[in-house]
Amino acid sequence: MLGYMLTDIAEVNGLNWHIRTAGTHVVEGSAMSSRTRDALLRVDGLGEHHYGTHRSRQLALVDVSWADAVLASEANHVRYVRTHFGDAAKSVSLGQFLREAPLDVGFDEQVQFVASLEPLDYFDVADPAGKDQAAYDECATLLWEMAQAFAALVAEEPL
């Protein structure tokens, strides 16, 4: 969800962000679930994308190497990236980034600072997998708010 949201924000605002989406525990090539698609379609202000063309991709070293930052929605995702790819300076929880990134430095320094912290479950966005549509809708609404806050913090920075 977050990747679609950040892509939409970048397109609407003419930001020079380059975004890839990948997961830490995916079934490679799976289509987006109908609950995820429906939740995204219900988010007020989010543009429509070609959700039917989405296919899950497992995060790989090439993605981590390419990225300026790896944004995750859960501390366990950050731990996964750090354990499997060792590049802790790029992997941060979005919630922790929003609350703990220093405001008086550039994006790279913000990422480095938050990545130096222990990822905390307190900042997690609950995964709606296996739950009802209301849980997916709630997750999408929260992520949309967080994506907009993230954009406000770093809009001048290329991603």
N, C-alpha and C. Protein backbone atom coordinates (compact mmCIF):
# COMPACT_ATOMS: atom_id res chain seq x y z
N MET A 1 0.82 -1.19 0.00
CA MET A 1 0.00 0.00 0.00
C MET A 1 0.86 1.25 0.00
N LEU A 2 1.88 1.26 0.84
CA LEU A 2 2.71 2.45 1.00
C LEU A 2 3.40 2.82 -0.32
N GLY A 3 3.87 1.85 -1.06
CA GLY A 3 4.53 2.14 -2.33
C GLY A 3 3.60 2.84 -3.30
N TYR A 4 2.36 2.38 -3.39
CA TYR A 4 1.38 3.03 -4.26
C TYR A 4 1.12 4.46 -3.80
N MET A 5 1.04 4.64 -2.50
CA MET A 5 0.75 5.96 -1.96
C MET A 5 1.88 6.94 -2.23
N LEU A 6 3.11 6.52 -2.00
CA LEU A 6 4.25 7.41 -2.23
C LEU A 6 4.42 7.71 -3.72
N THR A 7 4.14 6.72 -4.55
CA THR A 7 4.20 6.94 -6.00
C THR A 7 3.16 7.98 -6.41
N ASP A 8 1.96 7.88 -5.87
CA ASP A 8 0.90 8.84 -6.18
C ASP A 8 1.29 10.24 -5.73
N ILE A 9 1.80 10.37 -4.53
CA ILE A 9 2.21 11.67 -4.01
C ILE A 9 3.29 12.27 -4.90
N ALA A 10 4.25 11.46 -5.31
CA ALA A 10 5.33 11.96 -6.17
C ALA A 10 4.79 12.43 -7.51
N GLU A 11 3.90 11.64 -8.11
CA GLU A 11 3.34 12.00 -9.42
C GLU A 11 2.51 13.28 -9.34
N VAL A 12 1.65 13.37 -8.35
CA VAL A 12 0.76 14.53 -8.21
C VAL A 12 1.56 15.81 -7.94
N ASN A 13 2.65 15.69 -7.20
CA ASN A 13 3.42 16.87 -6.80
C ASN A 13 4.67 17.10 -7.64
N GLY A 14 4.87 16.30 -8.68
CA GLY A 14 6.03 16.47 -9.54
C GLY A 14 7.35 16.24 -8.84
N LEU A 15 7.36 15.33 -7.87
CA LEU A 15 8.58 15.05 -7.11
C LEU A 15 9.42 14.01 -7.85
N ASN A 16 10.70 14.16 -7.78
CA ASN A 16 11.62 13.27 -8.47
C ASN A 16 11.99 12.09 -7.57
N TRP A 17 10.97 11.31 -7.21
CA TRP A 17 11.19 10.13 -6.38
C TRP A 17 11.14 8.90 -7.26
N HIS A 18 12.01 7.97 -6.98
CA HIS A 18 12.04 6.68 -7.68
C HIS A 18 11.74 5.61 -6.64
N ILE A 19 10.62 4.93 -6.81
CA ILE A 19 10.12 4.03 -5.78
C ILE A 19 10.00 2.63 -6.33
N ARG A 20 10.50 1.67 -5.57
CA ARG A 20 10.30 0.25 -5.86
C ARG A 20 9.53 -0.34 -4.69
N THR A 21 8.72 -1.32 -4.96
CA THR A 21 8.04 -2.01 -3.88
C THR A 21 8.48 -3.46 -3.85
N ALA A 22 8.69 -3.94 -2.65
CA ALA A 22 9.07 -5.34 -2.43
C ALA A 22 8.73 -5.66 -0.98
N GLY A 23 8.54 -6.93 -0.72
CA GLY A 23 8.17 -7.35 0.63
C GLY A 23 9.23 -8.23 1.26
N THR A 24 9.06 -8.45 2.55
CA THR A 24 10.02 -9.28 3.28
C THR A 24 9.59 -10.74 3.34
N HIS A 25 8.32 -11.01 3.16
CA HIS A 25 7.81 -12.38 3.19
C HIS A 25 6.66 -12.50 2.20
N VAL A 26 6.97 -12.64 0.93
CA VAL A 26 5.93 -12.64 -0.09
C VAL A 26 5.88 -13.97 -0.82
N VAL A 27 4.78 -14.20 -1.46
CA VAL A 27 4.67 -15.28 -2.43
C VAL A 27 4.94 -14.61 -3.77
N GLU A 28 6.11 -14.85 -4.29
CA GLU A 28 6.57 -14.18 -5.51
C GLU A 28 5.53 -14.29 -6.63
N GLY A 29 5.23 -13.14 -7.23
CA GLY A 29 4.33 -13.11 -8.37
C GLY A 29 2.85 -13.06 -8.03
N SER A 30 2.50 -13.03 -6.75
CA SER A 30 1.09 -13.00 -6.36
C SER A 30 0.46 -11.65 -6.71
N ALA A 31 -0.79 -11.71 -7.07
CA ALA A 31 -1.54 -10.48 -7.34
C ALA A 31 -1.91 -9.81 -6.02
N MET A 32 -2.21 -8.53 -6.11
CA MET A 32 -2.69 -7.80 -4.94
C MET A 32 -4.03 -8.39 -4.50
N SER A 33 -4.21 -8.52 -3.20
CA SER A 33 -5.48 -9.06 -2.71
C SER A 33 -6.62 -8.09 -2.98
N SER A 34 -7.80 -8.61 -3.09
CA SER A 34 -8.97 -7.75 -3.33
C SER A 34 -9.20 -6.83 -2.15
N ARG A 35 -8.90 -7.27 -0.95
CA ARG A 35 -9.07 -6.41 0.23
C ARG A 35 -8.10 -5.23 0.19
N THR A 36 -6.85 -5.49 -0.22
CA THR A 36 -5.88 -4.41 -0.35
C THR A 36 -6.33 -3.43 -1.42
N ARG A 37 -6.71 -3.94 -2.57
CA ARG A 37 -7.17 -3.08 -3.67
C ARG A 37 -8.37 -2.25 -3.23
N ASP A 38 -9.34 -2.88 -2.60
CA ASP A 38 -10.53 -2.16 -2.17
C ASP A 38 -10.19 -1.08 -1.14
N ALA A 39 -9.28 -1.38 -0.24
CA ALA A 39 -8.86 -0.39 0.76
C ALA A 39 -8.19 0.80 0.08
N LEU A 40 -7.33 0.54 -0.89
CA LEU A 40 -6.67 1.63 -1.61
C LEU A 40 -7.68 2.47 -2.39
N LEU A 41 -8.66 1.83 -2.98
CA LEU A 41 -9.67 2.56 -3.73
C LEU A 41 -10.53 3.45 -2.84
N ARG A 42 -10.63 3.11 -1.56
CA ARG A 42 -11.46 3.89 -0.62
C ARG A 42 -10.72 5.08 -0.02
N VAL A 43 -9.40 5.15 -0.20
CA VAL A 43 -8.63 6.24 0.41
C VAL A 43 -8.94 7.54 -0.32
N ASP A 44 -9.48 8.49 0.42
CA ASP A 44 -9.85 9.78 -0.15
C ASP A 44 -8.59 10.56 -0.52
N GLY A 45 -8.49 10.94 -1.79
CA GLY A 45 -7.36 11.72 -2.26
C GLY A 45 -6.29 10.91 -2.96
N LEU A 46 -6.33 9.61 -2.84
CA LEU A 46 -5.35 8.76 -3.50
C LEU A 46 -5.81 8.49 -4.92
N GLY A 47 -4.94 8.74 -5.89
CA GLY A 47 -5.28 8.51 -7.29
C GLY A 47 -5.43 7.03 -7.59
N GLU A 48 -6.05 6.73 -8.72
CA GLU A 48 -6.21 5.33 -9.12
C GLU A 48 -5.00 4.87 -9.90
N HIS A 49 -4.57 3.69 -9.62
CA HIS A 49 -3.44 3.07 -10.31
C HIS A 49 -3.93 1.78 -10.94
N HIS A 50 -3.06 1.14 -11.61
CA HIS A 50 -3.39 -0.13 -12.24
C HIS A 50 -3.11 -1.25 -11.25
N TYR A 51 -3.97 -1.34 -10.24
CA TYR A 51 -3.78 -2.30 -9.17
C TYR A 51 -3.77 -3.74 -9.69
N GLY A 52 -4.50 -3.99 -10.77
CA GLY A 52 -4.57 -5.34 -11.31
C GLY A 52 -3.26 -5.84 -11.90
N THR A 53 -2.32 -4.93 -12.18
CA THR A 53 -1.04 -5.34 -12.75
C THR A 53 0.02 -5.61 -11.69
N HIS A 54 -0.28 -5.30 -10.45
CA HIS A 54 0.70 -5.50 -9.36
C HIS A 54 0.99 -6.99 -9.16
N ARG A 55 2.27 -7.29 -8.95
CA ARG A 55 2.69 -8.63 -8.57
C ARG A 55 3.71 -8.50 -7.44
N SER A 56 3.55 -9.36 -6.43
CA SER A 56 4.45 -9.34 -5.28
C SER A 56 5.86 -9.71 -5.69
N ARG A 57 6.79 -9.04 -5.03
CA ARG A 57 8.21 -9.30 -5.26
C ARG A 57 8.92 -9.35 -3.93
N GLN A 58 9.77 -10.34 -3.77
CA GLN A 58 10.58 -10.47 -2.56
C GLN A 58 11.72 -9.46 -2.62
N LEU A 59 11.94 -8.76 -1.52
CA LEU A 59 13.05 -7.82 -1.42
C LEU A 59 14.36 -8.56 -1.68
N ALA A 60 15.24 -7.95 -2.48
CA ALA A 60 16.50 -8.57 -2.84
C ALA A 60 17.64 -7.58 -2.63
N LEU A 61 18.85 -8.09 -2.62
CA LEU A 61 20.04 -7.25 -2.44
C LEU A 61 20.09 -6.12 -3.46
N VAL A 62 19.69 -6.39 -4.68
CA VAL A 62 19.72 -5.35 -5.71
C VAL A 62 18.81 -4.18 -5.32
N ASP A 63 17.69 -4.45 -4.67
CA ASP A 63 16.79 -3.39 -4.22
C ASP A 63 17.41 -2.57 -3.10
N VAL A 64 17.97 -3.26 -2.13
CA VAL A 64 18.58 -2.58 -0.98
C VAL A 64 19.78 -1.74 -1.44
N SER A 65 20.57 -2.28 -2.34
CA SER A 65 21.73 -1.55 -2.86
C SER A 65 21.30 -0.31 -3.64
N TRP A 66 20.22 -0.41 -4.38
CA TRP A 66 19.70 0.67 -5.20
C TRP A 66 19.12 1.81 -4.37
N ALA A 67 18.51 1.47 -3.25
CA ALA A 67 17.71 2.43 -2.48
C ALA A 67 18.55 3.40 -1.66
N ASP A 68 18.02 4.61 -1.53
CA ASP A 68 18.57 5.57 -0.57
C ASP A 68 18.00 5.27 0.82
N ALA A 69 16.82 4.68 0.84
CA ALA A 69 16.17 4.29 2.09
C ALA A 69 15.23 3.12 1.82
N VAL A 70 15.14 2.24 2.79
CA VAL A 70 14.17 1.15 2.75
C VAL A 70 13.16 1.46 3.85
N LEU A 71 11.96 1.85 3.43
CA LEU A 71 10.90 2.19 4.38
C LEU A 71 10.07 0.96 4.67
N ALA A 72 9.86 0.71 5.93
CA ALA A 72 9.08 -0.46 6.35
C ALA A 72 7.94 0.01 7.23
N SER A 73 6.90 -0.82 7.33
CA SER A 73 5.77 -0.46 8.18
C SER A 73 5.84 -1.12 9.55
N GLU A 74 6.77 -2.05 9.72
CA GLU A 74 6.91 -2.74 11.00
C GLU A 74 8.39 -2.88 11.38
N ALA A 75 8.65 -2.86 12.67
CA ALA A 75 10.02 -3.04 13.17
C ALA A 75 10.60 -4.38 12.72
N ASN A 76 9.76 -5.42 12.67
CA ASN A 76 10.26 -6.72 12.22
C ASN A 76 10.75 -6.69 10.78
N HIS A 77 10.15 -5.85 9.94
CA HIS A 77 10.63 -5.70 8.57
C HIS A 77 12.02 -5.06 8.56
N VAL A 78 12.22 -4.08 9.42
CA VAL A 78 13.53 -3.44 9.54
C VAL A 78 14.56 -4.47 10.00
N ARG A 79 14.19 -5.25 11.00
CA ARG A 79 15.11 -6.28 11.49
C ARG A 79 15.43 -7.30 10.39
N TYR A 80 14.45 -7.65 9.59
CA TYR A 80 14.67 -8.58 8.48
C TYR A 80 15.70 -8.02 7.50
N VAL A 81 15.52 -6.76 7.12
CA VAL A 81 16.47 -6.14 6.18
C VAL A 81 17.87 -6.11 6.78
N ARG A 82 17.97 -5.72 8.02
CA ARG A 82 19.28 -5.64 8.66
C ARG A 82 19.93 -7.01 8.79
N THR A 83 19.15 -8.02 9.09
CA THR A 83 19.67 -9.37 9.24
C THR A 83 20.10 -9.97 7.91
N HIS A 84 19.28 -9.80 6.88
CA HIS A 84 19.55 -10.44 5.60
C HIS A 84 20.45 -9.66 4.66
N PHE A 85 20.51 -8.33 4.83
CA PHE A 85 21.28 -7.52 3.90
C PHE A 85 22.36 -6.69 4.58
N GLY A 86 22.32 -6.58 5.89
CA GLY A 86 23.39 -5.92 6.64
C GLY A 86 23.52 -4.43 6.42
N ASP A 87 22.65 -3.82 5.66
CA ASP A 87 22.78 -2.40 5.38
C ASP A 87 21.82 -1.60 6.26
N ALA A 88 22.11 -1.59 7.56
CA ALA A 88 21.22 -0.96 8.53
C ALA A 88 21.08 0.55 8.32
N ALA A 89 22.03 1.16 7.64
CA ALA A 89 21.99 2.61 7.45
C ALA A 89 20.87 3.05 6.52
N LYS A 90 20.16 2.10 5.92
CA LYS A 90 19.10 2.45 4.97
C LYS A 90 17.72 2.00 5.41
N SER A 91 17.60 1.14 6.37
CA SER A 91 16.33 0.52 6.71
C SER A 91 15.72 1.17 7.94
N VAL A 92 14.51 1.74 7.77
CA VAL A 92 13.84 2.41 8.88
C VAL A 92 12.34 2.11 8.84
N SER A 93 11.75 2.13 10.00
CA SER A 93 10.30 2.05 10.14
C SER A 93 9.74 3.43 9.83
N LEU A 94 8.73 3.49 8.98
CA LEU A 94 8.13 4.78 8.62
C LEU A 94 7.62 5.51 9.85
N GLY A 95 6.92 4.80 10.73
CA GLY A 95 6.39 5.43 11.94
C GLY A 95 7.50 5.99 12.82
N GLN A 96 8.58 5.26 12.97
CA GLN A 96 9.69 5.72 13.78
C GLN A 96 10.39 6.90 13.10
N PHE A 97 10.50 6.84 11.78
CA PHE A 97 11.10 7.95 11.03
C PHE A 97 10.30 9.23 11.26
N LEU A 98 8.99 9.13 11.14
CA LEU A 98 8.14 10.32 11.30
C LEU A 98 8.25 10.93 12.68
N ARG A 99 8.46 10.12 13.68
CA ARG A 99 8.49 10.62 15.05
C ARG A 99 9.88 10.98 15.56
N GLU A 100 10.92 10.39 14.98
CA GLU A 100 12.24 10.56 15.57
C GLU A 100 13.30 11.15 14.64
N ALA A 101 12.99 11.34 13.36
CA ALA A 101 13.98 11.94 12.46
C ALA A 101 14.20 13.40 12.84
N PRO A 102 15.45 13.82 12.91
CA PRO A 102 15.71 15.24 13.21
C PRO A 102 15.23 16.12 12.05
N LEU A 103 14.70 17.27 12.36
CA LEU A 103 14.11 18.14 11.35
C LEU A 103 15.12 19.10 10.72
N ASP A 104 16.27 19.25 11.34
CA ASP A 104 17.22 20.27 10.89
C ASP A 104 18.36 19.72 10.03
N VAL A 105 18.18 18.53 9.46
CA VAL A 105 19.20 17.93 8.60
C VAL A 105 18.53 17.39 7.33
N GLY A 106 19.33 17.02 6.35
CA GLY A 106 18.80 16.48 5.10
C GLY A 106 18.32 15.05 5.26
N PHE A 107 17.70 14.56 4.19
CA PHE A 107 17.10 13.23 4.20
C PHE A 107 18.10 12.14 4.54
N ASP A 108 19.26 12.15 3.92
CA ASP A 108 20.26 11.11 4.18
C ASP A 108 20.63 11.06 5.65
N GLU A 109 20.81 12.22 6.26
CA GLU A 109 21.15 12.27 7.68
C GLU A 109 19.97 11.82 8.55
N GLN A 110 18.76 12.15 8.13
CA GLN A 110 17.57 11.69 8.86
C GLN A 110 17.51 10.17 8.85
N VAL A 111 17.70 9.58 7.68
CA VAL A 111 17.67 8.12 7.56
C VAL A 111 18.77 7.50 8.41
N GLN A 112 19.98 8.04 8.33
CA GLN A 112 21.09 7.50 9.12
C GLN A 112 20.80 7.56 10.61
N PHE A 113 20.24 8.68 11.06
CA PHE A 113 19.94 8.81 12.48
C PHE A 113 18.91 7.77 12.92
N VAL A 114 17.79 7.68 12.21
CA VAL A 114 16.75 6.74 12.61
C VAL A 114 17.23 5.30 12.47
N ALA A 115 18.04 5.03 11.45
CA ALA A 115 18.58 3.68 11.26
C ALA A 115 19.57 3.31 12.37
N SER A 116 20.11 4.29 13.05
CA SER A 116 21.04 3.99 14.15
C SER A 116 20.29 3.59 15.42
N LEU A 117 18.99 3.78 15.43
CA LEU A 117 18.16 3.44 16.59
C LEU A 117 17.68 2.00 16.49
N GLU A 118 17.39 1.43 17.64
CA GLU A 118 16.76 0.11 17.66
C GLU A 118 15.34 0.25 17.13
N PRO A 119 14.94 -0.56 16.14
CA PRO A 119 13.56 -0.47 15.66
C PRO A 119 12.58 -0.89 16.76
N LEU A 120 11.57 -0.07 16.97
CA LEU A 120 10.62 -0.32 18.06
C LEU A 120 9.26 -0.71 17.52
N ASP A 121 8.70 -1.80 18.06
CA ASP A 121 7.39 -2.28 17.65
C ASP A 121 6.29 -1.24 17.92
N TYR A 122 6.54 -0.35 18.84
CA TYR A 122 5.58 0.68 19.21
C TYR A 122 5.12 1.48 17.99
N PHE A 123 6.00 1.65 17.00
CA PHE A 123 5.70 2.47 15.83
C PHE A 123 5.08 1.68 14.68
N ASP A 124 4.81 0.41 14.87
CA ASP A 124 4.31 -0.44 13.80
C ASP A 124 2.93 -0.02 13.30
N VAL A 125 2.71 -0.25 12.01
CA VAL A 125 1.38 -0.19 11.42
C VAL A 125 0.93 -1.64 11.35
N ALA A 126 -0.17 -1.94 12.01
CA ALA A 126 -0.63 -3.33 12.11
C ALA A 126 -0.93 -3.90 10.72
N ASP A 127 -0.38 -5.08 10.46
CA ASP A 127 -0.63 -5.79 9.22
C ASP A 127 -2.05 -6.33 9.23
N PRO A 128 -2.86 -6.01 8.22
CA PRO A 128 -4.25 -6.47 8.23
C PRO A 128 -4.44 -7.89 7.69
N ALA A 129 -3.37 -8.54 7.27
CA ALA A 129 -3.49 -9.87 6.65
C ALA A 129 -4.32 -10.81 7.52
N GLY A 130 -5.29 -11.47 6.87
CA GLY A 130 -6.15 -12.42 7.55
C GLY A 130 -7.32 -11.79 8.30
N LYS A 131 -7.39 -10.48 8.27
CA LYS A 131 -8.48 -9.79 8.97
C LYS A 131 -9.55 -9.36 7.97
N ASP A 132 -10.57 -8.69 8.47
CA ASP A 132 -11.67 -8.27 7.61
C ASP A 132 -11.35 -6.99 6.85
N GLN A 133 -12.29 -6.59 5.98
CA GLN A 133 -12.07 -5.41 5.14
C GLN A 133 -11.86 -4.15 5.98
N ALA A 134 -12.54 -4.05 7.11
CA ALA A 134 -12.39 -2.88 7.97
C ALA A 134 -10.94 -2.71 8.43
N ALA A 135 -10.25 -3.80 8.72
CA ALA A 135 -8.85 -3.73 9.12
C ALA A 135 -7.98 -3.23 7.97
N TYR A 136 -8.27 -3.68 6.75
CA TYR A 136 -7.53 -3.20 5.58
C TYR A 136 -7.79 -1.72 5.35
N ASP A 137 -9.03 -1.30 5.49
CA ASP A 137 -9.38 0.10 5.31
C ASP A 137 -8.68 0.97 6.36
N GLU A 138 -8.67 0.51 7.59
CA GLU A 138 -8.00 1.25 8.67
C GLU A 138 -6.51 1.37 8.40
N CYS A 139 -5.90 0.28 7.96
CA CYS A 139 -4.47 0.28 7.64
C CYS A 139 -4.19 1.27 6.51
N ALA A 140 -4.99 1.24 5.46
CA ALA A 140 -4.79 2.13 4.32
C ALA A 140 -4.94 3.60 4.73
N THR A 141 -5.92 3.89 5.56
CA THR A 141 -6.12 5.27 6.01
C THR A 141 -4.91 5.75 6.82
N LEU A 142 -4.44 4.92 7.73
CA LEU A 142 -3.28 5.28 8.54
C LEU A 142 -2.04 5.46 7.66
N LEU A 143 -1.79 4.53 6.76
CA LEU A 143 -0.62 4.65 5.87
C LEU A 143 -0.71 5.90 5.00
N TRP A 144 -1.89 6.25 4.53
CA TRP A 144 -2.06 7.44 3.70
C TRP A 144 -1.69 8.69 4.50
N GLU A 145 -2.13 8.76 5.74
CA GLU A 145 -1.77 9.89 6.60
C GLU A 145 -0.27 9.95 6.82
N MET A 146 0.33 8.80 7.04
CA MET A 146 1.77 8.74 7.27
C MET A 146 2.55 9.08 6.00
N ALA A 147 2.07 8.61 4.85
CA ALA A 147 2.74 8.91 3.58
C ALA A 147 2.73 10.41 3.31
N GLN A 148 1.61 11.06 3.60
CA GLN A 148 1.53 12.51 3.41
C GLN A 148 2.46 13.25 4.38
N ALA A 149 2.54 12.78 5.62
CA ALA A 149 3.45 13.39 6.58
C ALA A 149 4.90 13.21 6.14
N PHE A 150 5.22 12.02 5.64
CA PHE A 150 6.56 11.74 5.13
C PHE A 150 6.89 12.70 3.99
N ALA A 151 5.96 12.86 3.07
CA ALA A 151 6.19 13.74 1.92
C ALA A 151 6.42 15.18 2.38
N ALA A 152 5.69 15.61 3.38
CA ALA A 152 5.87 16.97 3.89
C ALA A 152 7.26 17.16 4.49
N LEU A 153 7.80 16.10 5.09
CA LEU A 153 9.14 16.18 5.69
C LEU A 153 10.26 16.18 4.64
N VAL A 154 10.06 15.45 3.57
CA VAL A 154 11.19 15.20 2.64
C VAL A 154 10.89 15.60 1.20
N ALA A 155 9.86 16.37 0.94
CA ALA A 155 9.42 16.67 -0.43
C ALA A 155 10.51 17.29 -1.30
N GLU A 156 11.43 17.99 -0.73
CA GLU A 156 12.49 18.63 -1.52
C GLU A 156 13.62 17.67 -1.87
N GLU A 157 13.60 16.50 -1.28
CA GLU A 157 14.68 15.54 -1.47
C GLU A 157 14.33 14.53 -2.57
N PRO A 158 15.29 14.19 -3.44
CA PRO A 158 15.05 13.10 -4.40
C PRO A 158 15.08 11.77 -3.67
N LEU A 159 14.18 10.85 -4.02
CA LEU A 159 14.18 9.51 -3.42
C LEU A 159 14.35 8.48 -4.50
